[in-house]
Amino acid sequence: VDRWKEVRDRLPGTETHFTWSSADTSGEDNVTLAYLQECAAEAGLHTVGLAIEQLGWDRDLGRFVDLEEAPISSLFKLYPWEWVLDDEFGRYAVDSLPETMWVEPLWKTLLSNKAILAVLWEMYP
């Protein structure tokens, strides 16, 4: 809750969207995300929860939208970047910058990709 209070004023827009994958049949991700969303709400954020598969792309605005066609200004996802980039809508993730602030930045994809180890080995054997 305290950390959400720290970042609250740095997030663009009036709402922060929280997403999980509806493909998780155990429901664990949904429950975890609901807890994080509740913490953010307790910290004073206005939150909207939806499955990541429900994200829309407005071609005219060039940005992500929610089920009510409202532009998404800040987004917390409980979904690996590797999966986002493999999904059809993932190709828009880079295009959405800086209009959509991803709470977990896209550059973290480099750190979570094991292929970087080979590059680092080439550079620094």
C-alpha atoms as a PDB file:
ATOM      1  CA  VAL A   1       0.000   0.000   0.000  1.00  0.00           C
ATOM      2  CA  ASP A   2       2.815   2.384   0.884  1.00  0.00           C
ATOM      3  CA  ARG A   3       4.608   1.736  -2.413  1.00  0.00           C
ATOM      4  CA  TRP A   4       1.424   2.385  -4.391  1.00  0.00           C
ATOM      5  CA  LYS A   5       1.106   5.670  -2.500  1.00  0.00           C
ATOM      6  CA  GLU A   6       4.650   6.565  -3.604  1.00  0.00           C
ATOM      7  CA  VAL A   7       3.977   5.921  -7.298  1.00  0.00           C
ATOM      8  CA  ARG A   8       0.348   7.115  -7.368  1.00  0.00           C
ATOM      9  CA  ASP A   9       1.133  10.680  -8.417  1.00  0.00           C
ATOM     10  CA  ARG A  10       3.596   9.541 -11.097  1.00  0.00           C
ATOM     11  CA  LEU A  11       1.014   7.505 -12.961  1.00  0.00           C
ATOM     12  CA  PRO A  12      -0.734   9.235 -15.858  1.00  0.00           C
ATOM     13  CA  GLY A  13      -4.498   9.425 -16.166  1.00  0.00           C
ATOM     14  CA  THR A  14      -7.182   9.029 -13.565  1.00  0.00           C
ATOM     15  CA  GLU A  15      -7.390   5.224 -13.595  1.00  0.00           C
ATOM     16  CA  THR A  16      -4.879   2.406 -13.414  1.00  0.00           C
ATOM     17  CA  HIS A  17      -5.873  -0.801 -15.139  1.00  0.00           C
ATOM     18  CA  PHE A  18      -4.924  -4.175 -13.663  1.00  0.00           C
ATOM     19  CA  THR A  19      -4.787  -7.219 -15.930  1.00  0.00           C
ATOM     20  CA  TRP A  20      -4.275 -10.956 -15.599  1.00  0.00           C
ATOM     21  CA  SER A  21      -4.729 -13.818 -18.033  1.00  0.00           C
ATOM     22  CA  SER A  22      -8.094 -15.535 -18.116  1.00  0.00           C
ATOM     23  CA  ALA A  23      -6.232 -18.579 -19.509  1.00  0.00           C
ATOM     24  CA  ASP A  24      -5.015 -19.345 -15.965  1.00  0.00           C
ATOM     25  CA  THR A  25      -7.513 -22.044 -15.013  1.00  0.00           C
ATOM     26  CA  SER A  26      -6.318 -22.241 -11.399  1.00  0.00           C
ATOM     27  CA  GLY A  27      -7.495 -18.680 -10.702  1.00  0.00           C
ATOM     28  CA  GLU A  28      -4.282 -17.971  -8.784  1.00  0.00           C
ATOM     29  CA  ASP A  29      -3.270 -15.040 -10.990  1.00  0.00           C
ATOM     30  CA  ASN A  30      -6.735 -13.504 -10.748  1.00  0.00           C
ATOM     31  CA  VAL A  31      -6.681 -13.712  -6.932  1.00  0.00           C
ATOM     32  CA  THR A  32      -3.126 -12.319  -6.758  1.00  0.00           C
ATOM     33  CA  LEU A  33      -4.044  -9.464  -9.063  1.00  0.00           C
ATOM     34  CA  ALA A  34      -7.219  -8.728  -7.085  1.00  0.00           C
ATOM     35  CA  TYR A  35      -5.077  -8.395  -3.954  1.00  0.00           C
ATOM     36  CA  LEU A  36      -2.621  -6.023  -5.682  1.00  0.00           C
ATOM     37  CA  GLN A  37      -5.519  -4.023  -7.093  1.00  0.00           C
ATOM     38  CA  GLU A  38      -7.076  -3.780  -3.626  1.00  0.00           C
ATOM     39  CA  CYS A  39      -3.764  -2.520  -2.206  1.00  0.00           C
ATOM     40  CA  ALA A  40      -3.602   0.122  -4.955  1.00  0.00           C
ATOM     41  CA  ALA A  41      -7.185   1.171  -4.251  1.00  0.00           C
ATOM     42  CA  GLU A  42      -6.377   1.455  -0.544  1.00  0.00           C
ATOM     43  CA  ALA A  43      -3.498   3.744  -1.539  1.00  0.00           C
ATOM     44  CA  GLY A  44      -5.954   6.036  -3.315  1.00  0.00           C
ATOM     45  CA  LEU A  45      -5.723   4.863  -6.924  1.00  0.00           C
ATOM     46  CA  HIS A  46      -8.823   4.463  -9.049  1.00  0.00           C
ATOM     47  CA  THR A  47      -8.506   0.946 -10.424  1.00  0.00           C
ATOM     48  CA  VAL A  48     -10.109  -1.098 -13.190  1.00  0.00           C
ATOM     49  CA  GLY A  49      -9.587  -4.850 -13.459  1.00  0.00           C
ATOM     50  CA  LEU A  50      -9.886  -6.829 -16.648  1.00  0.00           C
ATOM     51  CA  ALA A  51      -8.406  -9.895 -18.301  1.00  0.00           C
ATOM     52  CA  ILE A  52      -5.498  -9.044 -20.571  1.00  0.00           C
ATOM     53  CA  GLU A  53      -7.361 -10.771 -23.399  1.00  0.00           C
ATOM     54  CA  GLN A  54      -9.998  -8.022 -23.079  1.00  0.00           C
ATOM     55  CA  LEU A  55      -7.586  -5.200 -23.892  1.00  0.00           C
ATOM     56  CA  GLY A  56      -8.619  -3.400 -27.020  1.00  0.00           C
ATOM     57  CA  TRP A  57      -6.603  -1.371 -29.504  1.00  0.00           C
ATOM     58  CA  ASP A  58      -8.084   1.834 -30.900  1.00  0.00           C
ATOM     59  CA  ARG A  59      -6.461   2.290 -34.298  1.00  0.00           C
ATOM     60  CA  ASP A  60      -7.616   5.900 -34.595  1.00  0.00           C
ATOM     61  CA  LEU A  61      -6.172   6.919 -31.223  1.00  0.00           C
ATOM     62  CA  GLY A  62      -3.200   4.561 -31.510  1.00  0.00           C
ATOM     63  CA  ARG A  63      -3.619   3.332 -27.951  1.00  0.00           C
ATOM     64  CA  PHE A  64      -4.998   0.599 -25.763  1.00  0.00           C
ATOM     65  CA  VAL A  65      -8.580   0.894 -24.521  1.00  0.00           C
ATOM     66  CA  ASP A  66     -10.672  -0.978 -21.980  1.00  0.00           C
ATOM     67  CA  LEU A  67     -14.087  -2.606 -22.411  1.00  0.00           C
ATOM     68  CA  GLU A  68     -15.769   0.800 -22.255  1.00  0.00           C
ATOM     69  CA  GLU A  69     -13.441   2.121 -25.006  1.00  0.00           C
ATOM     70  CA  ALA A  70     -11.743   4.395 -22.442  1.00  0.00           C
ATOM     71  CA  PRO A  71      -8.040   4.984 -23.187  1.00  0.00           C
ATOM     72  CA  ILE A  72      -5.680   3.130 -20.865  1.00  0.00           C
ATOM     73  CA  SER A  73      -3.098   5.537 -19.465  1.00  0.00           C
ATOM     74  CA  SER A  74      -1.435   3.258 -16.899  1.00  0.00           C
ATOM     75  CA  LEU A  75      -1.461  -0.498 -16.806  1.00  0.00           C
ATOM     76  CA  PHE A  76      -0.259  -3.106 -14.321  1.00  0.00           C
ATOM     77  CA  LYS A  77      -0.102  -6.595 -15.777  1.00  0.00           C
ATOM     78  CA  LEU A  78       0.405  -9.917 -14.087  1.00  0.00           C
ATOM     79  CA  TYR A  79       1.469 -11.463 -17.370  1.00  0.00           C
ATOM     80  CA  PRO A  80       5.021 -12.013 -18.660  1.00  0.00           C
ATOM     81  CA  TRP A  81       6.291  -9.620 -21.310  1.00  0.00           C
ATOM     82  CA  GLU A  82       7.344 -12.597 -23.431  1.00  0.00           C
ATOM     83  CA  TRP A  83       3.706 -13.649 -23.655  1.00  0.00           C
ATOM     84  CA  VAL A  84       2.524 -10.100 -24.344  1.00  0.00           C
ATOM     85  CA  LEU A  85       4.915  -9.797 -27.258  1.00  0.00           C
ATOM     86  CA  ASP A  86       3.782 -13.173 -28.635  1.00  0.00           C
ATOM     87  CA  ASP A  87       0.110 -12.204 -28.483  1.00  0.00           C
ATOM     88  CA  GLU A  88      -1.577 -10.433 -31.380  1.00  0.00           C
ATOM     89  CA  PHE A  89      -2.077  -7.234 -29.384  1.00  0.00           C
ATOM     90  CA  GLY A  90       1.509  -7.344 -28.131  1.00  0.00           C
ATOM     91  CA  ARG A  91       2.835  -5.755 -31.300  1.00  0.00           C
ATOM     92  CA  TYR A  92       1.099  -2.574 -30.152  1.00  0.00           C
ATOM     93  CA  ALA A  93       2.904  -2.471 -26.795  1.00  0.00           C
ATOM     94  CA  VAL A  94       5.788  -0.433 -28.207  1.00  0.00           C
ATOM     95  CA  ASP A  95       3.416   1.684 -30.295  1.00  0.00           C
ATOM     96  CA  SER A  96       1.460   2.536 -27.137  1.00  0.00           C
ATOM     97  CA  LEU A  97       4.435   4.287 -25.557  1.00  0.00           C
ATOM     98  CA  PRO A  98       4.387   6.857 -24.032  1.00  0.00           C
ATOM     99  CA  GLU A  99       0.567   7.166 -24.027  1.00  0.00           C
ATOM    100  CA  THR A 100       0.255   3.953 -22.019  1.00  0.00           C
ATOM    101  CA  MET A 101       2.554   3.637 -19.028  1.00  0.00           C
ATOM    102  CA  TRP A 102       3.258   0.005 -18.264  1.00  0.00           C
ATOM    103  CA  VAL A 103       3.947  -0.308 -14.541  1.00  0.00           C
ATOM    104  CA  GLU A 104       6.480  -3.025 -15.384  1.00  0.00           C
ATOM    105  CA  PRO A 105       8.573  -1.378 -18.103  1.00  0.00           C
ATOM    106  CA  LEU A 106       9.091  -3.101 -21.437  1.00  0.00           C
ATOM    107  CA  TRP A 107      12.888  -2.943 -21.121  1.00  0.00           C
ATOM    108  CA  LYS A 108      12.675  -5.620 -18.408  1.00  0.00           C
ATOM    109  CA  THR A 109      12.068  -8.099 -21.230  1.00  0.00           C
ATOM    110  CA  LEU A 110      15.791  -7.988 -21.914  1.00  0.00           C
ATOM    111  CA  LEU A 111      16.616  -8.982 -18.349  1.00  0.00           C
ATOM    112  CA  SER A 112      14.196 -11.895 -18.280  1.00  0.00           C
ATOM    113  CA  ASN A 113      15.354 -13.319 -21.597  1.00  0.00           C
ATOM    114  CA  LYS A 114      17.969 -16.053 -21.308  1.00  0.00           C
ATOM    115  CA  ALA A 115      19.314 -15.161 -24.780  1.00  0.00           C
ATOM    116  CA  ILE A 116      21.012 -12.162 -23.200  1.00  0.00           C
ATOM    117  CA  LEU A 117      23.380 -14.600 -21.462  1.00  0.00           C
ATOM    118  CA  ALA A 118      24.833 -15.654 -24.814  1.00  0.00           C
ATOM    119  CA  VAL A 119      25.289 -12.024 -25.842  1.00  0.00           C
ATOM    120  CA  LEU A 120      26.951 -11.190 -22.537  1.00  0.00           C
ATOM    121  CA  TRP A 121      29.248 -14.211 -22.899  1.00  0.00           C
ATOM    122  CA  GLU A 122      30.242 -13.027 -26.378  1.00  0.00           C
ATOM    123  CA  MET A 123      30.988  -9.554 -25.040  1.00  0.00           C
ATOM    124  CA  TYR A 124      32.641 -10.627 -21.775  1.00  0.00           C
ATOM    125  CA  PRO A 125      33.940 -14.217 -21.955  1.00  0.00           C
END
